[in-house]
Amino acid sequence: MTVDEIRELIALASETGIAELEVQRGENRVRIRRAAFAGPPEIVLAPPAYAAPLAAPAALAAPPPAEAPKEKEAKAADPNLALVKSPIVGTFYESPSPDAPPFVRVGERVQPGKVLCIIESMKLMNEIEAETAGIIESKLVMNGQPVEYGEALFAIRAV
């Protein structure tokens, strides 16, 4: 698959607004996944398991950085905002089960010890609690999204 073909697929995903597109030709597979907050498309190239490492142009090897980190940094610059960060690598869940309401909503007042979310790591469900009192200003991660250690999950405005 050529770089031009991949660019056409990205344009198609952007124009149609589809969330995810996967194309496979023989042993080569390309998946383009768009974030729900309208960030740039994520490109995942999966070479065959038995082949040598994929030699791709730098533009494909590292997708352009999303705008979200800049937004998170801007929120962190406000001294009245406390960022709740993930203490572990795992999957973010906003509720205890798929049919349950979220633990917290934007605009809700929280106290220390209030459960904000769950991070699933190695089949263990870890409750993440508020450490400060305040109002949830923003949720920075989508439900079901993988998170890294130290990644900001929520912004809480101190009251």
C-alpha atoms as a PDB file:
ATOM      1  CA  MET A   1       0.000   0.000   0.000  1.00  0.00           C
ATOM      2  CA  THR A   2       1.453   3.354  -1.007  1.00  0.00           C
ATOM      3  CA  VAL A   3       1.573   6.578   0.998  1.00  0.00           C
ATOM      4  CA  ASP A   4      -0.849   8.185  -1.473  1.00  0.00           C
ATOM      5  CA  GLU A   5      -3.365   5.378  -0.954  1.00  0.00           C
ATOM      6  CA  ILE A   6      -3.122   5.819   2.816  1.00  0.00           C
ATOM      7  CA  ARG A   7      -3.626   9.576   2.437  1.00  0.00           C
ATOM      8  CA  GLU A   8      -6.755   8.889   0.365  1.00  0.00           C
ATOM      9  CA  LEU A   9      -8.071   6.614   3.124  1.00  0.00           C
ATOM     10  CA  ILE A  10      -7.439   9.316   5.738  1.00  0.00           C
ATOM     11  CA  ALA A  11      -9.270  11.860   3.575  1.00  0.00           C
ATOM     12  CA  LEU A  12     -12.155   9.429   3.124  1.00  0.00           C
ATOM     13  CA  ALA A  13     -12.394   8.865   6.886  1.00  0.00           C
ATOM     14  CA  SER A  14     -12.351  12.626   7.519  1.00  0.00           C
ATOM     15  CA  GLU A  15     -14.945  13.436   4.844  1.00  0.00           C
ATOM     16  CA  THR A  16     -17.422  10.745   5.832  1.00  0.00           C
ATOM     17  CA  GLY A  17     -16.974  11.117   9.582  1.00  0.00           C
ATOM     18  CA  ILE A  18     -16.655   7.372  10.141  1.00  0.00           C
ATOM     19  CA  ALA A  19     -15.061   6.375  13.437  1.00  0.00           C
ATOM     20  CA  GLU A  20     -12.833   3.546  12.214  1.00  0.00           C
ATOM     21  CA  LEU A  21     -11.685   2.157   8.880  1.00  0.00           C
ATOM     22  CA  GLU A  22      -9.596  -0.974   8.342  1.00  0.00           C
ATOM     23  CA  VAL A  23      -8.272  -2.110   4.963  1.00  0.00           C
ATOM     24  CA  GLN A  24      -6.328  -5.291   4.327  1.00  0.00           C
ATOM     25  CA  ARG A  25      -4.502  -6.180   1.108  1.00  0.00           C
ATOM     26  CA  GLY A  26      -2.802  -9.532   1.276  1.00  0.00           C
ATOM     27  CA  GLU A  27      -0.568  -9.494   4.334  1.00  0.00           C
ATOM     28  CA  ASN A  28      -0.629  -5.679   4.759  1.00  0.00           C
ATOM     29  CA  ARG A  29      -3.271  -4.067   6.950  1.00  0.00           C
ATOM     30  CA  VAL A  30      -3.985  -0.395   7.726  1.00  0.00           C
ATOM     31  CA  ARG A  31      -6.414   0.785  10.428  1.00  0.00           C
ATOM     32  CA  ILE A  32      -7.450   4.424  10.745  1.00  0.00           C
ATOM     33  CA  ARG A  33      -9.314   5.323  13.935  1.00  0.00           C
ATOM     34  CA  ARG A  34     -10.721   8.772  14.656  1.00  0.00           C
ATOM     35  CA  ALA A  35     -11.102  10.003  18.216  1.00  0.00           C
ATOM     36  CA  ALA A  36     -14.616  11.094  19.219  1.00  0.00           C
ATOM     37  CA  PHE A  37     -13.350  14.562  20.181  1.00  0.00           C
ATOM     38  CA  ALA A  38     -12.451  15.213  16.523  1.00  0.00           C
ATOM     39  CA  GLY A  39      -8.700  14.806  16.919  1.00  0.00           C
ATOM     40  CA  PRO A  40      -6.506  13.808  13.971  1.00  0.00           C
ATOM     41  CA  PRO A  41      -6.883  10.255  12.651  1.00  0.00           C
ATOM     42  CA  GLU A  42      -4.777   7.577  14.321  1.00  0.00           C
ATOM     43  CA  ILE A  43      -2.918   5.320  11.899  1.00  0.00           C
ATOM     44  CA  VAL A  44      -1.848   1.812  12.857  1.00  0.00           C
ATOM     45  CA  LEU A  45       0.232  -0.226  10.412  1.00  0.00           C
ATOM     46  CA  ALA A  46       0.419  -3.944  11.129  1.00  0.00           C
ATOM     47  CA  PRO A  47       3.149  -5.785   9.197  1.00  0.00           C
ATOM     48  CA  PRO A  48       2.984  -9.571   8.849  1.00  0.00           C
ATOM     49  CA  ALA A  49       4.259 -11.376  11.938  1.00  0.00           C
ATOM     50  CA  TYR A  50       6.944 -13.239  10.013  1.00  0.00           C
ATOM     51  CA  ALA A  51       8.235 -10.280   7.981  1.00  0.00           C
ATOM     52  CA  ALA A  52      11.123  -7.977   8.760  1.00  0.00           C
ATOM     53  CA  PRO A  53      10.209  -4.672  10.492  1.00  0.00           C
ATOM     54  CA  LEU A  54       8.172  -2.418   8.237  1.00  0.00           C
ATOM     55  CA  ALA A  55      10.259   0.281   6.573  1.00  0.00           C
ATOM     56  CA  ALA A  56       7.880   3.235   6.429  1.00  0.00           C
ATOM     57  CA  PRO A  57       8.435   6.934   5.790  1.00  0.00           C
ATOM     58  CA  ALA A  58       8.753   9.017   8.948  1.00  0.00           C
ATOM     59  CA  ALA A  59       5.337  10.576   8.309  1.00  0.00           C
ATOM     60  CA  LEU A  60       3.699   7.170   8.681  1.00  0.00           C
ATOM     61  CA  ALA A  61       5.882   5.842  11.471  1.00  0.00           C
ATOM     62  CA  ALA A  62       4.880   8.675  13.806  1.00  0.00           C
ATOM     63  CA  PRO A  63       1.441  10.226  13.326  1.00  0.00           C
ATOM     64  CA  PRO A  64       1.203  13.960  14.000  1.00  0.00           C
ATOM     65  CA  PRO A  65       0.692  14.804  17.679  1.00  0.00           C
ATOM     66  CA  ALA A  66      -2.870  15.508  18.750  1.00  0.00           C
ATOM     67  CA  GLU A  67      -3.983  18.943  19.913  1.00  0.00           C
ATOM     68  CA  ALA A  68      -5.326  17.481  23.155  1.00  0.00           C
ATOM     69  CA  PRO A  69      -1.957  17.549  25.016  1.00  0.00           C
ATOM     70  CA  LYS A  70      -1.682  21.305  24.398  1.00  0.00           C
ATOM     71  CA  GLU A  71      -5.200  21.722  25.782  1.00  0.00           C
ATOM     72  CA  LYS A  72      -4.268  19.643  28.834  1.00  0.00           C
ATOM     73  CA  GLU A  73      -1.125  21.740  29.380  1.00  0.00           C
ATOM     74  CA  ALA A  74      -3.166  24.933  29.174  1.00  0.00           C
ATOM     75  CA  LYS A  75      -5.567  23.608  31.811  1.00  0.00           C
ATOM     76  CA  ALA A  76      -2.639  22.640  34.047  1.00  0.00           C
ATOM     77  CA  ALA A  77      -1.295  26.226  33.864  1.00  0.00           C
ATOM     78  CA  ASP A  78      -4.374  27.491  35.765  1.00  0.00           C
ATOM     79  CA  PRO A  79      -3.438  27.414  39.498  1.00  0.00           C
ATOM     80  CA  ASN A  80      -7.073  26.741  40.502  1.00  0.00           C
ATOM     81  CA  LEU A  81      -7.196  23.544  38.426  1.00  0.00           C
ATOM     82  CA  ALA A  82      -5.956  20.237  39.777  1.00  0.00           C
ATOM     83  CA  LEU A  83      -5.355  17.488  37.240  1.00  0.00           C
ATOM     84  CA  VAL A  84      -6.253  13.961  38.311  1.00  0.00           C
ATOM     85  CA  LYS A  85      -3.654  11.739  36.658  1.00  0.00           C
ATOM     86  CA  SER A  86      -3.657   8.016  36.028  1.00  0.00           C
ATOM     87  CA  PRO A  87      -1.468   6.183  38.555  1.00  0.00           C
ATOM     88  CA  ILE A  88      -1.221   3.148  36.236  1.00  0.00           C
ATOM     89  CA  VAL A  89      -1.379   2.044  32.620  1.00  0.00           C
ATOM     90  CA  GLY A  90      -4.738   0.555  31.695  1.00  0.00           C
ATOM     91  CA  THR A  91      -8.192   1.196  30.262  1.00  0.00           C
ATOM     92  CA  PHE A  92     -10.336   4.121  31.484  1.00  0.00           C
ATOM     93  CA  TYR A  93     -13.958   3.423  32.448  1.00  0.00           C
ATOM     94  CA  GLU A  94     -16.310   6.194  33.592  1.00  0.00           C
ATOM     95  CA  SER A  95     -18.853   3.843  35.203  1.00  0.00           C
ATOM     96  CA  PRO A  96     -18.841   0.551  37.132  1.00  0.00           C
ATOM     97  CA  SER A  97     -20.659  -1.255  34.282  1.00  0.00           C
ATOM     98  CA  PRO A  98     -21.725  -0.419  30.714  1.00  0.00           C
ATOM     99  CA  ASP A  99     -25.365   0.181  31.689  1.00  0.00           C
ATOM    100  CA  ALA A 100     -24.602   2.183  34.868  1.00  0.00           C
ATOM    101  CA  PRO A 101     -24.388   5.990  35.017  1.00  0.00           C
ATOM    102  CA  PRO A 102     -20.905   7.568  35.193  1.00  0.00           C
ATOM    103  CA  PHE A 103     -19.289   8.025  38.604  1.00  0.00           C
ATOM    104  CA  VAL A 104     -19.068  11.802  38.015  1.00  0.00           C
ATOM    105  CA  ARG A 105     -20.193  14.331  35.409  1.00  0.00           C
ATOM    106  CA  VAL A 106     -18.694  17.630  34.284  1.00  0.00           C
ATOM    107  CA  GLY A 107     -19.986  20.373  36.593  1.00  0.00           C
ATOM    108  CA  GLU A 108     -20.452  18.031  39.558  1.00  0.00           C
ATOM    109  CA  ARG A 109     -18.981  18.929  42.959  1.00  0.00           C
ATOM    110  CA  VAL A 110     -16.661  16.272  44.452  1.00  0.00           C
ATOM    111  CA  GLN A 111     -14.996  15.724  47.809  1.00  0.00           C
ATOM    112  CA  PRO A 112     -11.755  13.858  48.564  1.00  0.00           C
ATOM    113  CA  GLY A 113     -12.352  10.122  48.396  1.00  0.00           C
ATOM    114  CA  LYS A 114     -15.122  10.343  45.767  1.00  0.00           C
ATOM    115  CA  VAL A 115     -14.627   7.670  43.087  1.00  0.00           C
ATOM    116  CA  LEU A 116     -14.090   9.383  39.715  1.00  0.00           C
ATOM    117  CA  CYS A 117     -13.460   6.409  37.426  1.00  0.00           C
ATOM    118  CA  ILE A 118     -11.991   2.931  37.132  1.00  0.00           C
ATOM    119  CA  ILE A 119      -8.730   2.015  35.427  1.00  0.00           C
ATOM    120  CA  GLU A 120      -8.634  -1.630  34.398  1.00  0.00           C
ATOM    121  CA  SER A 121      -5.140  -3.054  34.413  1.00  0.00           C
ATOM    122  CA  MET A 122      -4.332  -6.737  34.050  1.00  0.00           C
ATOM    123  CA  LYS A 123      -7.986  -7.690  34.700  1.00  0.00           C
ATOM    124  CA  LEU A 124      -7.994  -5.727  37.986  1.00  0.00           C
ATOM    125  CA  MET A 125     -10.403  -2.818  38.427  1.00  0.00           C
ATOM    126  CA  ASN A 126      -8.679   0.088  40.206  1.00  0.00           C
ATOM    127  CA  GLU A 127     -10.895   2.884  41.532  1.00  0.00           C
ATOM    128  CA  ILE A 128      -9.427   6.351  41.070  1.00  0.00           C
ATOM    129  CA  GLU A 129     -10.568   8.788  43.774  1.00  0.00           C
ATOM    130  CA  ALA A 130     -10.534  12.567  44.026  1.00  0.00           C
ATOM    131  CA  GLU A 131      -7.739  13.884  46.201  1.00  0.00           C
ATOM    132  CA  THR A 132      -9.078  17.450  46.382  1.00  0.00           C
ATOM    133  CA  ALA A 133     -12.485  19.066  46.776  1.00  0.00           C
ATOM    134  CA  GLY A 134     -13.824  20.982  43.820  1.00  0.00           C
ATOM    135  CA  ILE A 135     -15.959  20.933  40.705  1.00  0.00           C
ATOM    136  CA  ILE A 136     -15.253  18.632  37.752  1.00  0.00           C
ATOM    137  CA  GLU A 137     -14.328  21.102  35.015  1.00  0.00           C
ATOM    138  CA  SER A 138     -13.538  18.581  32.297  1.00  0.00           C
ATOM    139  CA  LYS A 139     -13.140  14.904  31.547  1.00  0.00           C
ATOM    140  CA  LEU A 140      -9.999  14.528  29.445  1.00  0.00           C
ATOM    141  CA  VAL A 141     -10.327  10.853  28.449  1.00  0.00           C
ATOM    142  CA  MET A 142     -13.043   8.983  26.566  1.00  0.00           C
ATOM    143  CA  ASN A 143     -14.739   5.929  28.059  1.00  0.00           C
ATOM    144  CA  GLY A 144     -12.914   2.720  27.091  1.00  0.00           C
ATOM    145  CA  GLN A 145      -9.759   4.571  26.000  1.00  0.00           C
ATOM    146  CA  PRO A 146      -6.316   3.234  26.968  1.00  0.00           C
ATOM    147  CA  VAL A 147      -4.405   5.541  29.310  1.00  0.00           C
ATOM    148  CA  GLU A 148      -0.748   5.844  30.211  1.00  0.00           C
ATOM    149  CA  TYR A 149       0.888   6.373  33.582  1.00  0.00           C
ATOM    150  CA  GLY A 150       0.648  10.071  34.481  1.00  0.00           C
ATOM    151  CA  GLU A 151      -1.940  10.897  31.800  1.00  0.00           C
ATOM    152  CA  ALA A 152      -4.468  13.541  32.909  1.00  0.00           C
ATOM    153  CA  LEU A 153      -7.973  12.100  33.355  1.00  0.00           C
ATOM    154  CA  PHE A 154      -9.959  14.966  34.893  1.00  0.00           C
ATOM    155  CA  ALA A 155      -9.500  18.663  35.657  1.00  0.00           C
ATOM    156  CA  ILE A 156     -10.996  19.718  39.014  1.00  0.00           C
ATOM    157  CA  ARG A 157     -11.470  23.415  39.850  1.00  0.00           C
ATOM    158  CA  ALA A 158     -10.777  24.067  43.524  1.00  0.00           C
ATOM    159  CA  VAL A 159     -13.592  25.742  45.470  1.00  0.00           C
END
